[in-house]
C-alpha atoms as a PDB file:
ATOM      1  CA  GLN A   1       0.249  -0.703  -0.147  1.00  0.00           C
ATOM      2  CA  THR A   2       0.940   3.396  -1.112  1.00  0.00           C
ATOM      3  CA  CYS A   3      -0.080   6.283   0.928  1.00  0.00           C
ATOM      4  CA  ALA A   4       0.011  10.384  -0.943  1.00  0.00           C
ATOM      5  CA  LEU A   5       0.354  13.521   1.884  1.00  0.00           C
ATOM      6  CA  PRO A   6      -3.122  15.084   1.886  1.00  0.00           C
ATOM      7  CA  ILE A   7      -3.567  17.955  -0.645  1.00  0.00           C
ATOM      8  CA  SER A   8      -5.362  20.277   1.818  1.00  0.00           C
ATOM      9  CA  ASN A   9      -6.624  24.338   0.736  1.00  0.00           C
ATOM     10  CA  GLY A  10      -7.220  24.867   4.210  1.00  0.00           C
ATOM     11  CA  GLN A  11     -10.721  23.342   4.338  1.00  0.00           C
ATOM     12  CA  PHE A  12     -10.713  20.166   3.125  1.00  0.00           C
ATOM     13  CA  ALA A  13      -7.953  17.672   2.630  1.00  0.00           C
ATOM     14  CA  VAL A  14      -8.149  14.910  -0.103  1.00  0.00           C
ATOM     15  CA  ASN A  15      -5.877  11.239   0.173  1.00  0.00           C
ATOM     16  CA  THR A  16      -5.792   9.081  -1.594  1.00  0.00           C
ATOM     17  CA  ALA A  17      -3.536   5.871  -0.909  1.00  0.00           C
ATOM     18  CA  THR A  18      -2.542   2.695  -3.007  1.00  0.00           C
ATOM     19  CA  CYS A  19      -3.270  -1.140  -3.087  1.00  0.00           C
ATOM     20  CA  ASP A  20      -1.906  -4.156  -4.226  1.00  0.00           C
ATOM     21  CA  VAL A  21      -3.338  -7.031  -4.544  1.00  0.00           C
ATOM     22  CA  ARG A  22      -1.386 -10.096  -5.713  1.00  0.00           C
ATOM     23  CA  ASN A  23      -2.104 -13.608  -7.030  1.00  0.00           C
ATOM     24  CA  ALA A  24      -6.003 -14.014  -4.437  1.00  0.00           C
ATOM     25  CA  PRO A  25      -8.665 -15.566  -5.341  1.00  0.00           C
ATOM     26  CA  TYR A  26     -12.033 -13.941  -7.228  1.00  0.00           C
ATOM     27  CA  GLU A  27     -12.981 -14.213  -3.462  1.00  0.00           C
ATOM     28  CA  VAL A  28     -10.756 -11.668  -1.648  1.00  0.00           C
ATOM     29  CA  ILE A  29     -11.141  -8.959  -4.637  1.00  0.00           C
ATOM     30  CA  GLN A  30     -15.003  -9.508  -4.178  1.00  0.00           C
ATOM     31  CA  LYS A  31     -14.831  -9.390  -0.551  1.00  0.00           C
ATOM     32  CA  LEU A  32     -13.043  -5.622  -0.508  1.00  0.00           C
ATOM     33  CA  TYR A  33     -14.897  -4.489  -2.926  1.00  0.00           C
ATOM     34  CA  GLN A  34     -17.468  -4.613  -0.692  1.00  0.00           C
ATOM     35  CA  GLN A  35     -15.994  -3.645   2.262  1.00  0.00           C
ATOM     36  CA  LEU A  36     -14.407  -0.515  -0.592  1.00  0.00           C
ATOM     37  CA  GLN A  37     -18.678   0.125  -2.111  1.00  0.00           C
ATOM     38  CA  GLN A  38     -19.821   0.293   1.834  1.00  0.00           C
ATOM     39  CA  ARG A  39     -17.832   3.610   2.822  1.00  0.00           C
ATOM     40  CA  ALA A  40     -19.124   4.969  -0.275  1.00  0.00           C
ATOM     41  CA  PRO A  41     -18.681   8.224  -0.987  1.00  0.00           C
ATOM     42  CA  TYR A  42     -16.905   8.804   1.189  1.00  0.00           C
ATOM     43  CA  ILE A  43     -14.289   7.010   0.210  1.00  0.00           C
ATOM     44  CA  GLY A  44     -13.871   6.359  -3.623  1.00  0.00           C
ATOM     45  CA  ILE A  45     -12.426   4.720  -6.584  1.00  0.00           C
ATOM     46  CA  GLU A  46      -9.790   6.738  -8.726  1.00  0.00           C
ATOM     47  CA  GLN A  47      -8.172   3.734 -11.073  1.00  0.00           C
ATOM     48  CA  PHE A  48      -9.189   0.128 -11.566  1.00  0.00           C
ATOM     49  CA  SER A  49      -6.588  -2.495 -12.763  1.00  0.00           C
ATOM     50  CA  LEU A  50      -7.309  -6.511 -12.379  1.00  0.00           C
ATOM     51  CA  GLN A  51      -5.306  -8.648 -14.015  1.00  0.00           C
ATOM     52  CA  SER A  52      -5.845 -12.760 -14.537  1.00  0.00           C
ATOM     53  CA  ASN A  53      -2.381 -14.653 -13.492  1.00  0.00           C
ATOM     54  CA  ARG A  54      -1.597 -16.206 -17.378  1.00  0.00           C
ATOM     55  CA  ALA A  55       0.115 -19.340 -15.169  1.00  0.00           C
ATOM     56  CA  ASN A  56      -3.221 -19.432 -12.992  1.00  0.00           C
ATOM     57  CA  PRO A  57      -6.315 -18.018 -14.212  1.00  0.00           C
ATOM     58  CA  SER A  58      -8.161 -18.230 -11.246  1.00  0.00           C
ATOM     59  CA  GLN A  59      -5.667 -16.063  -9.589  1.00  0.00           C
ATOM     60  CA  LEU A  60      -6.171 -12.168  -9.799  1.00  0.00           C
ATOM     61  CA  SER A  61      -3.484  -9.368  -9.742  1.00  0.00           C
ATOM     62  CA  LEU A  62      -5.837  -6.068  -8.435  1.00  0.00           C
ATOM     63  CA  THR A  63      -4.024  -2.676  -8.448  1.00  0.00           C
ATOM     64  CA  LEU A  64      -6.835   0.829  -6.485  1.00  0.00           C
ATOM     65  CA  LYS A  65      -6.262   3.760  -6.478  1.00  0.00           C
ATOM     66  CA  VAL A  66      -8.565   4.890  -3.419  1.00  0.00           C
ATOM     67  CA  SER A  67      -9.685   8.854  -1.755  1.00  0.00           C
ATOM     68  CA  SER A  68     -11.554  10.768   0.404  1.00  0.00           C
ATOM     69  CA  VAL A  69     -11.563  13.955   0.760  1.00  0.00           C
ATOM     70  CA  GLU A  70     -11.668  14.971   5.228  1.00  0.00           C
ATOM     71  CA  ILE A  71     -13.217  18.016   6.640  1.00  0.00           C
ATOM     72  CA  ALA A  72     -10.360  20.193   8.079  1.00  0.00           C
ATOM     73  CA  ARG A  73     -11.286  21.315  11.954  1.00  0.00           C
END
């Protein structure tokens, strides 16, 4: 997981994170997506890349870039 420094204008901050999941079964990818979906609209998916493993197509690799807006207090 890679996190970027928040971008802020004093009132709001935008936080981003990149998450990589390698060689996981579909069920793991689906569960992660469902957990993110429960946090919408507070966390949004900016980029989504899904690939199958050529040696074992039942294993998937996922790269996600997510972002959230935070209200500065």
